[in-house]
Amino acid sequence: DYDSIQVAANPAGQFNTVTANAAQGSIAGGEAEFTWQPIKKMLLEGGVGYQDARYNEIGDIGVTVDRNDAFIRTPEWSIMMGITYQFDIGEYGSLSPRFDWAYKSSIQFEPDNDPSVAQDGYHMVDFRITYADPADKFHVNLGIENLTNEKYLLSGDSNNVIGYSLFMFARPRNWFLDLSFSF
């Protein structure tokens, strides 16, 4: 349960943004995670999270937020799955490819749930392959993040009176290479 939730929003018909202790609300939910190794060289991991976030009361502060608006940055559902398999390559070490999939349901970035800066639910897929030397001290990771080149928002801001919407998108498909050594 939350008391005095700070809300930054625009008073109706005004261009200025005010921050006020405007609301009372509650968040209920749960999260479950698992790790399973069905065979020696395979690892499956996953998780699911659910959040029911809602305003219970909105104070009379003159902003355009009401009890039916969703909390900002609070997706109702978050789901992820990952699979890794290790291939031995004899005296040269091992190669381990990994796929990760994740889903987030819709996300609001403005307290008044302005649809111009809201993010619909989206899926993400990442891939990497790891080389490990026979002593498992030297690792090379080569991977691709956002394999499907999903375009989604990390943040948003808007003011309909002035007429602007600002967005910050996640990076498009990108690759990485990292090296590590344990001693």
N, C-alpha and C. Protein backbone atom coordinates (compact mmCIF):
# COMPACT_ATOMS: atom_id res chain seq x y z
N ASP A 1 0.84 -1.19 0.00
CA ASP A 1 0.00 0.00 0.00
C ASP A 1 0.88 1.24 0.00
N TYR A 2 0.48 2.24 -0.77
CA TYR A 2 1.24 3.47 -0.89
C TYR A 2 0.36 4.66 -0.51
N ASP A 3 0.91 5.54 0.30
CA ASP A 3 0.28 6.81 0.62
C ASP A 3 1.11 7.92 0.00
N SER A 4 0.47 9.01 -0.33
CA SER A 4 1.15 10.21 -0.86
C SER A 4 2.04 9.90 -2.05
N ILE A 5 1.50 9.20 -3.04
CA ILE A 5 2.24 8.92 -4.27
C ILE A 5 2.47 10.23 -4.99
N GLN A 6 3.72 10.50 -5.33
CA GLN A 6 4.01 11.73 -6.07
C GLN A 6 3.69 11.52 -7.54
N VAL A 7 2.94 12.45 -8.08
CA VAL A 7 2.55 12.42 -9.48
C VAL A 7 3.00 13.72 -10.13
N ALA A 8 3.71 13.62 -11.24
CA ALA A 8 4.12 14.79 -12.01
C ALA A 8 3.24 14.84 -13.25
N ALA A 9 2.33 15.79 -13.30
CA ALA A 9 1.37 15.86 -14.41
C ALA A 9 1.00 17.32 -14.66
N ASN A 10 0.26 17.52 -15.74
CA ASN A 10 -0.15 18.86 -16.13
C ASN A 10 -1.55 19.16 -15.62
N PRO A 11 -1.73 20.32 -14.98
CA PRO A 11 -3.10 20.74 -14.66
C PRO A 11 -3.88 20.92 -15.96
N ALA A 12 -5.16 20.61 -15.94
CA ALA A 12 -5.99 20.69 -17.14
C ALA A 12 -5.87 22.06 -17.81
N GLY A 13 -5.50 22.05 -19.11
CA GLY A 13 -5.41 23.27 -19.90
C GLY A 13 -4.18 24.13 -19.65
N GLN A 14 -3.24 23.69 -18.83
CA GLN A 14 -2.04 24.48 -18.53
C GLN A 14 -0.81 23.79 -19.08
N PHE A 15 0.20 24.57 -19.40
CA PHE A 15 1.40 23.99 -19.98
C PHE A 15 2.43 23.58 -18.93
N ASN A 16 2.28 24.04 -17.70
CA ASN A 16 3.26 23.72 -16.67
C ASN A 16 3.00 22.32 -16.09
N THR A 17 4.06 21.71 -15.60
CA THR A 17 3.97 20.41 -14.95
C THR A 17 4.10 20.64 -13.45
N VAL A 18 3.25 19.99 -12.67
CA VAL A 18 3.33 20.09 -11.22
C VAL A 18 3.59 18.70 -10.65
N THR A 19 4.30 18.68 -9.56
CA THR A 19 4.52 17.44 -8.82
C THR A 19 3.81 17.59 -7.50
N ALA A 20 2.97 16.62 -7.19
CA ALA A 20 2.19 16.72 -5.95
C ALA A 20 2.00 15.33 -5.36
N ASN A 21 1.82 15.30 -4.04
CA ASN A 21 1.43 14.06 -3.38
C ASN A 21 -0.05 13.89 -3.67
N ALA A 22 -0.34 13.12 -4.69
CA ALA A 22 -1.67 13.16 -5.28
C ALA A 22 -2.53 11.95 -5.04
N ALA A 23 -1.94 10.85 -4.61
CA ALA A 23 -2.73 9.62 -4.67
C ALA A 23 -2.36 8.64 -3.58
N GLN A 24 -3.27 7.70 -3.41
CA GLN A 24 -3.03 6.50 -2.62
C GLN A 24 -3.25 5.32 -3.57
N GLY A 25 -2.44 4.31 -3.41
CA GLY A 25 -2.57 3.17 -4.30
C GLY A 25 -2.05 1.90 -3.67
N SER A 26 -2.11 0.85 -4.45
CA SER A 26 -1.62 -0.44 -3.97
C SER A 26 -1.08 -1.25 -5.14
N ILE A 27 -0.13 -2.08 -4.83
CA ILE A 27 0.43 -3.02 -5.80
C ILE A 27 0.39 -4.40 -5.16
N ALA A 28 -0.22 -5.33 -5.86
CA ALA A 28 -0.22 -6.74 -5.43
C ALA A 28 0.32 -7.56 -6.59
N GLY A 29 0.95 -8.64 -6.30
CA GLY A 29 1.47 -9.46 -7.38
C GLY A 29 2.35 -10.56 -6.86
N GLY A 30 3.05 -11.17 -7.77
CA GLY A 30 3.95 -12.25 -7.41
C GLY A 30 4.94 -12.51 -8.52
N GLU A 31 5.95 -13.28 -8.18
CA GLU A 31 6.99 -13.61 -9.14
C GLU A 31 7.45 -15.03 -8.87
N ALA A 32 7.69 -15.78 -9.92
CA ALA A 32 8.22 -17.14 -9.80
C ALA A 32 9.35 -17.30 -10.80
N GLU A 33 10.41 -17.95 -10.38
CA GLU A 33 11.55 -18.21 -11.25
C GLU A 33 11.92 -19.68 -11.15
N PHE A 34 12.53 -20.21 -12.21
CA PHE A 34 12.99 -21.58 -12.16
C PHE A 34 14.31 -21.73 -12.91
N THR A 35 15.08 -22.70 -12.49
CA THR A 35 16.27 -23.15 -13.18
C THR A 35 16.17 -24.67 -13.23
N TRP A 36 16.34 -25.24 -14.43
CA TRP A 36 16.18 -26.67 -14.60
C TRP A 36 17.29 -27.18 -15.51
N GLN A 37 17.93 -28.26 -15.11
CA GLN A 37 18.95 -28.88 -15.92
C GLN A 37 18.46 -30.28 -16.30
N PRO A 38 17.71 -30.40 -17.42
CA PRO A 38 17.12 -31.70 -17.78
C PRO A 38 18.17 -32.75 -18.16
N ILE A 39 19.30 -32.29 -18.73
CA ILE A 39 20.43 -33.17 -19.00
C ILE A 39 21.69 -32.40 -18.63
N LYS A 40 22.80 -33.11 -18.53
CA LYS A 40 24.02 -32.52 -17.99
C LYS A 40 24.46 -31.23 -18.69
N LYS A 41 24.33 -31.13 -19.99
CA LYS A 41 24.88 -30.00 -20.73
C LYS A 41 23.85 -28.93 -21.11
N MET A 42 22.61 -29.07 -20.64
CA MET A 42 21.56 -28.12 -20.98
C MET A 42 21.03 -27.44 -19.72
N LEU A 43 20.81 -26.14 -19.82
CA LEU A 43 20.26 -25.38 -18.71
C LEU A 43 19.07 -24.57 -19.23
N LEU A 44 17.92 -24.72 -18.59
CA LEU A 44 16.72 -23.94 -18.89
C LEU A 44 16.43 -23.04 -17.70
N GLU A 45 16.14 -21.78 -17.99
CA GLU A 45 15.82 -20.81 -16.94
C GLU A 45 14.60 -20.02 -17.36
N GLY A 46 13.83 -19.59 -16.41
CA GLY A 46 12.67 -18.80 -16.76
C GLY A 46 12.08 -18.11 -15.55
N GLY A 47 11.13 -17.25 -15.83
CA GLY A 47 10.46 -16.55 -14.76
C GLY A 47 9.22 -15.84 -15.27
N VAL A 48 8.31 -15.59 -14.37
CA VAL A 48 7.10 -14.84 -14.69
C VAL A 48 6.80 -13.93 -13.50
N GLY A 49 6.43 -12.71 -13.82
CA GLY A 49 6.04 -11.76 -12.79
C GLY A 49 4.71 -11.11 -13.15
N TYR A 50 3.87 -10.93 -12.13
CA TYR A 50 2.57 -10.29 -12.32
C TYR A 50 2.43 -9.18 -11.29
N GLN A 51 1.94 -8.00 -11.74
CA GLN A 51 1.70 -6.87 -10.85
C GLN A 51 0.32 -6.30 -11.13
N ASP A 52 -0.46 -6.14 -10.08
CA ASP A 52 -1.75 -5.47 -10.18
C ASP A 52 -1.58 -4.16 -9.42
N ALA A 53 -1.28 -3.10 -10.15
CA ALA A 53 -1.03 -1.78 -9.55
C ALA A 53 -2.20 -0.87 -9.87
N ARG A 54 -2.72 -0.21 -8.85
CA ARG A 54 -3.87 0.66 -9.08
C ARG A 54 -3.91 1.79 -8.06
N TYR A 55 -4.50 2.88 -8.52
CA TYR A 55 -4.78 4.00 -7.61
C TYR A 55 -6.05 3.68 -6.84
N ASN A 56 -6.01 3.87 -5.55
CA ASN A 56 -7.21 3.69 -4.72
C ASN A 56 -7.93 5.02 -4.52
N GLU A 57 -7.15 6.11 -4.56
CA GLU A 57 -7.73 7.44 -4.33
C GLU A 57 -6.83 8.48 -4.99
N ILE A 58 -7.44 9.48 -5.61
CA ILE A 58 -6.70 10.59 -6.22
C ILE A 58 -7.13 11.86 -5.50
N GLY A 59 -6.15 12.63 -5.03
CA GLY A 59 -6.47 13.88 -4.36
C GLY A 59 -6.95 14.93 -5.35
N ASP A 60 -7.53 15.98 -4.85
CA ASP A 60 -8.03 17.08 -5.68
C ASP A 60 -6.90 18.08 -5.92
N ILE A 61 -6.02 17.74 -6.87
CA ILE A 61 -4.88 18.62 -7.15
C ILE A 61 -4.99 19.26 -8.53
N GLY A 62 -6.05 18.98 -9.25
CA GLY A 62 -6.30 19.64 -10.52
C GLY A 62 -5.51 19.11 -11.69
N VAL A 63 -4.89 17.94 -11.59
CA VAL A 63 -4.16 17.37 -12.72
C VAL A 63 -5.04 16.35 -13.43
N THR A 64 -4.59 15.93 -14.59
CA THR A 64 -5.41 15.08 -15.45
C THR A 64 -5.20 13.59 -15.18
N VAL A 65 -4.95 13.21 -13.95
CA VAL A 65 -4.79 11.81 -13.56
C VAL A 65 -6.07 11.37 -12.87
N ASP A 66 -6.54 10.16 -13.19
CA ASP A 66 -7.72 9.67 -12.47
C ASP A 66 -7.48 8.24 -12.00
N ARG A 67 -8.40 7.71 -11.23
CA ARG A 67 -8.24 6.39 -10.60
C ARG A 67 -8.10 5.26 -11.59
N ASN A 68 -8.57 5.42 -12.82
CA ASN A 68 -8.48 4.36 -13.81
C ASN A 68 -7.14 4.32 -14.54
N ASP A 69 -6.29 5.32 -14.32
CA ASP A 69 -4.98 5.34 -14.98
C ASP A 69 -4.05 4.31 -14.37
N ALA A 70 -3.23 3.70 -15.23
CA ALA A 70 -2.24 2.73 -14.77
C ALA A 70 -1.04 3.45 -14.18
N PHE A 71 -0.35 2.79 -13.26
CA PHE A 71 0.90 3.33 -12.73
C PHE A 71 1.92 3.43 -13.86
N ILE A 72 2.83 4.40 -13.76
CA ILE A 72 3.88 4.51 -14.76
C ILE A 72 4.93 3.43 -14.52
N ARG A 73 5.56 3.01 -15.61
CA ARG A 73 6.68 2.06 -15.58
C ARG A 73 6.36 0.76 -14.83
N THR A 74 5.12 0.32 -14.90
CA THR A 74 4.69 -0.87 -14.16
C THR A 74 3.93 -1.81 -15.08
N PRO A 75 4.65 -2.67 -15.83
CA PRO A 75 3.92 -3.61 -16.68
C PRO A 75 3.18 -4.63 -15.83
N GLU A 76 2.04 -5.05 -16.31
CA GLU A 76 1.27 -6.05 -15.58
C GLU A 76 1.99 -7.41 -15.61
N TRP A 77 2.55 -7.76 -16.77
CA TRP A 77 3.21 -9.05 -16.94
C TRP A 77 4.65 -8.88 -17.40
N SER A 78 5.55 -9.67 -16.84
CA SER A 78 6.94 -9.79 -17.29
C SER A 78 7.26 -11.28 -17.32
N ILE A 79 7.70 -11.75 -18.48
CA ILE A 79 7.97 -13.18 -18.64
C ILE A 79 9.32 -13.33 -19.34
N MET A 80 10.11 -14.31 -18.93
CA MET A 80 11.39 -14.56 -19.61
C MET A 80 11.70 -16.05 -19.62
N MET A 81 12.42 -16.47 -20.66
CA MET A 81 12.90 -17.85 -20.80
C MET A 81 14.30 -17.80 -21.41
N GLY A 82 15.15 -18.72 -20.98
CA GLY A 82 16.48 -18.81 -21.55
C GLY A 82 16.91 -20.27 -21.64
N ILE A 83 17.69 -20.60 -22.66
CA ILE A 83 18.21 -21.96 -22.82
C ILE A 83 19.67 -21.88 -23.24
N THR A 84 20.48 -22.70 -22.58
CA THR A 84 21.92 -22.80 -22.88
C THR A 84 22.25 -24.27 -23.07
N TYR A 85 23.09 -24.54 -24.05
CA TYR A 85 23.58 -25.90 -24.26
C TYR A 85 25.09 -25.84 -24.46
N GLN A 86 25.82 -26.72 -23.77
CA GLN A 86 27.28 -26.73 -23.88
C GLN A 86 27.74 -27.87 -24.79
N PHE A 87 28.48 -27.50 -25.84
CA PHE A 87 29.08 -28.47 -26.75
C PHE A 87 30.56 -28.58 -26.44
N ASP A 88 31.02 -29.78 -26.10
CA ASP A 88 32.45 -29.99 -25.88
C ASP A 88 33.14 -30.06 -27.23
N ILE A 89 34.28 -29.39 -27.34
CA ILE A 89 35.06 -29.45 -28.58
C ILE A 89 36.45 -30.03 -28.26
N GLY A 90 36.41 -31.09 -27.45
CA GLY A 90 37.62 -31.86 -27.12
C GLY A 90 38.66 -31.05 -26.40
N GLU A 91 39.90 -31.19 -26.88
CA GLU A 91 41.03 -30.51 -26.24
C GLU A 91 41.00 -29.00 -26.42
N TYR A 92 40.03 -28.48 -27.19
CA TYR A 92 39.96 -27.04 -27.44
C TYR A 92 39.02 -26.32 -26.47
N GLY A 93 38.27 -27.06 -25.68
CA GLY A 93 37.37 -26.42 -24.72
C GLY A 93 35.91 -26.71 -25.03
N SER A 94 35.09 -25.65 -24.96
CA SER A 94 33.65 -25.83 -25.20
C SER A 94 33.05 -24.59 -25.84
N LEU A 95 31.92 -24.81 -26.51
CA LEU A 95 31.10 -23.73 -27.06
C LEU A 95 29.71 -23.86 -26.46
N SER A 96 29.17 -22.73 -26.01
CA SER A 96 27.84 -22.74 -25.37
C SER A 96 26.96 -21.66 -25.98
N PRO A 97 26.06 -22.03 -26.90
CA PRO A 97 25.10 -21.04 -27.39
C PRO A 97 23.99 -20.84 -26.36
N ARG A 98 23.44 -19.63 -26.35
CA ARG A 98 22.34 -19.31 -25.44
C ARG A 98 21.33 -18.42 -26.16
N PHE A 99 20.05 -18.78 -26.03
CA PHE A 99 18.94 -17.95 -26.51
C PHE A 99 18.17 -17.46 -25.30
N ASP A 100 17.78 -16.18 -25.33
CA ASP A 100 16.92 -15.60 -24.29
C ASP A 100 15.74 -14.94 -24.97
N TRP A 101 14.57 -15.14 -24.41
CA TRP A 101 13.33 -14.51 -24.86
C TRP A 101 12.69 -13.84 -23.67
N ALA A 102 12.16 -12.63 -23.87
CA ALA A 102 11.48 -11.91 -22.79
C ALA A 102 10.26 -11.19 -23.35
N TYR A 103 9.27 -11.02 -22.49
CA TYR A 103 8.05 -10.30 -22.84
C TYR A 103 7.70 -9.35 -21.70
N LYS A 104 7.29 -8.16 -22.06
CA LYS A 104 6.71 -7.20 -21.11
C LYS A 104 5.40 -6.72 -21.69
N SER A 105 4.37 -6.67 -20.84
CA SER A 105 3.08 -6.15 -21.30
C SER A 105 3.16 -4.62 -21.36
N SER A 106 2.09 -3.98 -21.74
CA SER A 106 2.10 -2.53 -21.99
C SER A 106 2.60 -1.74 -20.77
N ILE A 107 3.26 -0.62 -21.09
CA ILE A 107 3.87 0.23 -20.07
C ILE A 107 3.47 1.67 -20.34
N GLN A 108 3.04 2.36 -19.30
CA GLN A 108 2.71 3.79 -19.38
C GLN A 108 3.90 4.60 -18.88
N PHE A 109 4.16 5.74 -19.51
CA PHE A 109 5.25 6.62 -19.08
C PHE A 109 4.76 7.96 -18.55
N GLU A 110 3.48 8.26 -18.72
CA GLU A 110 2.90 9.49 -18.18
C GLU A 110 1.79 9.11 -17.20
N PRO A 111 1.69 9.82 -16.07
CA PRO A 111 0.66 9.49 -15.08
C PRO A 111 -0.76 9.54 -15.63
N ASP A 112 -1.01 10.41 -16.63
CA ASP A 112 -2.36 10.48 -17.20
C ASP A 112 -2.53 9.49 -18.36
N ASN A 113 -1.57 8.57 -18.51
CA ASN A 113 -1.61 7.51 -19.52
C ASN A 113 -1.78 8.03 -20.93
N ASP A 114 -1.04 9.07 -21.28
CA ASP A 114 -1.07 9.63 -22.63
C ASP A 114 -0.65 8.55 -23.63
N PRO A 115 -1.53 8.17 -24.55
CA PRO A 115 -1.20 7.08 -25.49
C PRO A 115 -0.05 7.41 -26.43
N SER A 116 0.27 8.70 -26.61
CA SER A 116 1.36 9.04 -27.52
C SER A 116 2.73 8.62 -26.98
N VAL A 117 2.84 8.38 -25.68
CA VAL A 117 4.11 7.95 -25.10
C VAL A 117 3.94 6.66 -24.29
N ALA A 118 2.99 5.84 -24.67
CA ALA A 118 2.80 4.54 -24.03
C ALA A 118 3.46 3.47 -24.89
N GLN A 119 3.89 2.40 -24.27
CA GLN A 119 4.51 1.30 -25.00
C GLN A 119 3.60 0.07 -24.94
N ASP A 120 3.21 -0.43 -26.11
CA ASP A 120 2.46 -1.68 -26.16
C ASP A 120 3.36 -2.82 -25.70
N GLY A 121 2.77 -3.95 -25.38
CA GLY A 121 3.55 -5.13 -25.02
C GLY A 121 4.52 -5.49 -26.14
N TYR A 122 5.67 -6.03 -25.77
CA TYR A 122 6.68 -6.35 -26.77
C TYR A 122 7.50 -7.58 -26.34
N HIS A 123 8.13 -8.20 -27.34
CA HIS A 123 8.97 -9.37 -27.14
C HIS A 123 10.41 -9.00 -27.47
N MET A 124 11.35 -9.62 -26.78
CA MET A 124 12.78 -9.43 -27.04
C MET A 124 13.45 -10.79 -27.19
N VAL A 125 14.39 -10.89 -28.12
CA VAL A 125 15.18 -12.10 -28.29
C VAL A 125 16.65 -11.71 -28.34
N ASP A 126 17.45 -12.38 -27.53
CA ASP A 126 18.90 -12.18 -27.53
C ASP A 126 19.57 -13.53 -27.79
N PHE A 127 20.77 -13.48 -28.35
CA PHE A 127 21.55 -14.69 -28.60
C PHE A 127 23.01 -14.40 -28.28
N ARG A 128 23.68 -15.41 -27.73
CA ARG A 128 25.13 -15.30 -27.56
C ARG A 128 25.73 -16.69 -27.63
N ILE A 129 26.99 -16.72 -27.98
CA ILE A 129 27.74 -17.97 -27.95
C ILE A 129 29.02 -17.70 -27.17
N THR A 130 29.35 -18.64 -26.29
CA THR A 130 30.50 -18.48 -25.41
C THR A 130 31.50 -19.59 -25.68
N TYR A 131 32.74 -19.19 -25.89
CA TYR A 131 33.83 -20.16 -25.97
C TYR A 131 34.53 -20.17 -24.62
N ALA A 132 34.82 -21.36 -24.09
CA ALA A 132 35.60 -21.51 -22.86
C ALA A 132 36.77 -22.44 -23.14
N ASP A 133 37.95 -22.06 -22.68
CA ASP A 133 39.12 -22.92 -22.87
C ASP A 133 38.97 -24.17 -22.00
N PRO A 134 39.81 -25.20 -22.22
CA PRO A 134 39.66 -26.45 -21.46
C PRO A 134 39.76 -26.27 -19.94
N ALA A 135 40.51 -25.30 -19.47
CA ALA A 135 40.64 -25.06 -18.03
C ALA A 135 39.51 -24.17 -17.50
N ASP A 136 38.65 -23.70 -18.38
CA ASP A 136 37.51 -22.83 -18.02
C ASP A 136 37.96 -21.53 -17.34
N LYS A 137 39.12 -21.02 -17.80
CA LYS A 137 39.63 -19.76 -17.24
C LYS A 137 39.48 -18.60 -18.22
N PHE A 138 39.50 -18.91 -19.51
CA PHE A 138 39.41 -17.89 -20.55
C PHE A 138 38.08 -18.04 -21.27
N HIS A 139 37.32 -16.94 -21.39
CA HIS A 139 36.02 -16.97 -22.06
C HIS A 139 35.93 -15.88 -23.11
N VAL A 140 35.30 -16.21 -24.21
CA VAL A 140 34.99 -15.23 -25.25
C VAL A 140 33.48 -15.31 -25.47
N ASN A 141 32.79 -14.19 -25.35
CA ASN A 141 31.35 -14.11 -25.61
C ASN A 141 31.13 -13.26 -26.85
N LEU A 142 30.39 -13.80 -27.78
CA LEU A 142 29.96 -13.06 -28.96
C LEU A 142 28.45 -13.15 -28.98
N GLY A 143 27.79 -11.99 -29.04
CA GLY A 143 26.34 -12.04 -28.95
C GLY A 143 25.64 -10.95 -29.74
N ILE A 144 24.35 -11.13 -29.87
CA ILE A 144 23.48 -10.16 -30.51
C ILE A 144 22.34 -9.86 -29.54
N GLU A 145 22.18 -8.60 -29.20
CA GLU A 145 21.06 -8.17 -28.38
C GLU A 145 19.98 -7.62 -29.30
N ASN A 146 18.73 -7.83 -28.93
CA ASN A 146 17.59 -7.39 -29.73
C ASN A 146 17.68 -7.97 -31.15
N LEU A 147 17.81 -9.28 -31.19
CA LEU A 147 18.00 -10.01 -32.44
C LEU A 147 16.94 -9.70 -33.49
N THR A 148 15.69 -9.51 -33.06
CA THR A 148 14.60 -9.26 -34.00
C THR A 148 14.43 -7.77 -34.30
N ASN A 149 15.34 -6.95 -33.78
CA ASN A 149 15.34 -5.50 -34.02
C ASN A 149 14.02 -4.85 -33.59
N GLU A 150 13.51 -5.26 -32.44
CA GLU A 150 12.27 -4.73 -31.88
C GLU A 150 12.45 -3.25 -31.51
N LYS A 151 11.50 -2.43 -31.91
CA LYS A 151 11.54 -1.01 -31.58
C LYS A 151 10.59 -0.78 -30.40
N TYR A 152 11.15 -0.37 -29.25
CA TYR A 152 10.33 -0.15 -28.07
C TYR A 152 10.89 1.00 -27.23
N LEU A 153 9.99 1.60 -26.47
CA LEU A 153 10.34 2.76 -25.65
C LEU A 153 10.94 2.35 -24.32
N LEU A 154 11.96 3.10 -23.89
CA LEU A 154 12.48 3.00 -22.54
C LEU A 154 11.91 4.09 -21.65
N SER A 155 11.51 5.20 -22.29
CA SER A 155 10.99 6.34 -21.55
C SER A 155 10.20 7.23 -22.49
N GLY A 156 9.31 8.03 -21.91
CA GLY A 156 8.52 8.97 -22.70
C GLY A 156 8.04 10.12 -21.83
N ASP A 157 7.81 11.25 -22.46
CA ASP A 157 7.33 12.45 -21.77
C ASP A 157 6.47 13.22 -22.76
N SER A 158 5.38 13.80 -22.28
CA SER A 158 4.53 14.56 -23.19
C SER A 158 3.83 15.70 -22.45
N ASN A 159 3.39 16.66 -23.24
CA ASN A 159 2.56 17.76 -22.75
C ASN A 159 1.63 18.12 -23.90
N ASN A 160 0.37 17.73 -23.79
CA ASN A 160 -0.58 17.94 -24.88
C ASN A 160 -0.98 19.40 -25.06
N VAL A 161 -0.85 20.22 -24.02
CA VAL A 161 -1.17 21.63 -24.16
C VAL A 161 -0.14 22.33 -25.04
N ILE A 162 1.12 22.08 -24.79
CA ILE A 162 2.18 22.64 -25.63
C ILE A 162 2.25 21.89 -26.95
N GLY A 163 1.97 20.60 -26.91
CA GLY A 163 1.96 19.80 -28.13
C GLY A 163 3.27 19.10 -28.41
N TYR A 164 3.88 18.49 -27.41
CA TYR A 164 5.09 17.74 -27.67
C TYR A 164 5.01 16.36 -27.03
N SER A 165 5.76 15.46 -27.62
CA SER A 165 5.98 14.13 -27.07
C SER A 165 7.45 13.80 -27.30
N LEU A 166 8.11 13.41 -26.24
CA LEU A 166 9.53 13.03 -26.31
C LEU A 166 9.64 11.54 -26.03
N PHE A 167 10.56 10.89 -26.74
CA PHE A 167 10.73 9.45 -26.60
C PHE A 167 12.20 9.11 -26.43
N MET A 168 12.47 8.05 -25.70
CA MET A 168 13.80 7.46 -25.67
C MET A 168 13.61 5.98 -25.99
N PHE A 169 14.08 5.58 -27.16
CA PHE A 169 13.94 4.21 -27.61
C PHE A 169 15.14 3.37 -27.15
N ALA A 170 14.91 2.08 -27.00
CA ALA A 170 16.00 1.15 -26.71
C ALA A 170 16.88 1.04 -27.95
N ARG A 171 18.07 0.54 -27.74
CA ARG A 171 18.98 0.37 -28.87
C ARG A 171 18.41 -0.65 -29.85
N PRO A 172 18.64 -0.45 -31.12
CA PRO A 172 18.23 -1.46 -32.10
C PRO A 172 19.14 -2.68 -31.99
N ARG A 173 18.97 -3.61 -32.91
CA ARG A 173 19.83 -4.80 -32.91
C ARG A 173 21.29 -4.35 -32.81
N ASN A 174 22.04 -4.99 -31.93
CA ASN A 174 23.46 -4.66 -31.77
C ASN A 174 24.20 -5.92 -31.34
N TRP A 175 25.47 -5.91 -31.56
CA TRP A 175 26.28 -7.07 -31.21
C TRP A 175 27.34 -6.66 -30.21
N PHE A 176 27.87 -7.66 -29.54
CA PHE A 176 28.93 -7.39 -28.57
C PHE A 176 29.94 -8.53 -28.60
N LEU A 177 31.13 -8.21 -28.14
CA LEU A 177 32.21 -9.17 -27.98
C LEU A 177 32.89 -8.84 -26.67
N ASP A 178 33.01 -9.81 -25.79
CA ASP A 178 33.76 -9.56 -24.57
C ASP A 178 34.65 -10.75 -24.26
N LEU A 179 35.75 -10.45 -23.62
CA LEU A 179 36.75 -11.44 -23.25
C LEU A 179 36.90 -11.37 -21.73
N SER A 180 37.08 -12.53 -21.12
CA SER A 180 37.35 -12.55 -19.68
C SER A 180 38.35 -13.64 -19.35
N PHE A 181 39.09 -13.40 -18.28
CA PHE A 181 40.09 -14.36 -17.84
C PHE A 181 40.02 -14.45 -16.32
N SER A 182 39.93 -15.65 -15.80
CA SER A 182 39.93 -15.89 -14.35
C SER A 182 41.29 -16.40 -13.93
N PHE A 183 41.78 -15.87 -12.82
CA PHE A 183 43.09 -16.35 -12.33
C PHE A 183 43.05 -16.56 -10.84
